[in-house]
């Protein structure tokens, strides 16, 4: 997509949340340049296994790395040296934003805050994604997704009521924080282009995890109501909204509007339930949820999940309960072309899930695989005004 074409982002990123943020920016057409430490393997996710493609270049074999870094560039630059920071400032002068997902106290030490970089470019936006923020008693703490889920209450909301505390199966806090960061960065760039002045933009894993509590937090803060784990992954107040048994497994129903309750009763040939005072509205159905669960289980056990999906389609909000394998191989996913293939110049392929954003200005799939460490160092520096002799000298000094 060409929506962010002309926007250049320098990203000091590693592992998940930061690269997830810039993956969206790259998919929207921004030029994303990964700034990676030379001689130390670069982004740590280049080494994350257990699955690698040994036919690809050594620094770009990790399939984990490919899932987060298509259509990006990579330069090797040592920001710990004074010379490296001078080079970085020359890059900043020709860029729109600098993003990092470092520990909260590190950006100031590296000199990558707006106060440090505004002299090189008054319009630069410095986007900081950290575990707990750049200020406060936890600024120096490392932060990871599962830690945030544990402390923000997610473990108490996930899984069956009689099971141990459980996390979500995916690193959703990393992903959500990445998306929030990409929105903050783009908003900062828009403001800088109109005002002439850049800024610092901050988001933390912990704050996003806490903010995601949303209506559950509102219930507690205003009504003193504590929400607990619900059997069968049920909604805490809306019924029917949970797992139900079918003849061959499970189905998830989500009748979160009254009209869908009526539609369900019609589809399962139980129209009399809509007139039963025990089930006439959400509060009454919630009060009688256990008995209603047994009734719906019994009705749905007459057919398979696939048969019910054919009946419910477009009328009752329902989903089959698939394994991850089955989800990725489903006809709907492939009919919608949600799986893409990126290829190296040598013809090696990596299959990935396509970015969910689309636009009438879309120009197709990502054109480039995730980059090798330092693959674009010379090209980027030449474009930013360095000459071949300078680049050679920087490489001799170990800065690149």
Foldseek 3Di string as FASTA:
>chain_A
DQQAAPAEEEEQEADFQQLLLVLVVLQNHYAYEYEFAPPPLGHPQLPDDDFFDVVDPSSNTHLSLQQRFFNYHYAHFDLVDPVSVVLVLLLQLSHQEYEYADQLQVCVVSQQFCVSRCVSAQRYEYEYEYAPHNDDPRSRPHHAQVVLCVVLCVQQADDAQPDGRDHDPDSVLSNVSSNVRSVQSVVQSVVCVVPVGGHYHYDYSNVSSNCVCPVQVVCCVPVVDHDGYHPQRQDRQFPPAGWAAEQVGIKGFDCPDQQLVCLVCVLLVNNVQCVPPCRVDRNSCRVVVVVVRVVVNVSRHVHDPVVVCVSCPPRTDMDDDDDPVCVCVDPVCVVVPQKDWEADPVGDIDIYGFDPDDDPPRPDGRHGGRDRHNPCNVVSSVVSPDDPVVVVVCVVVVRD
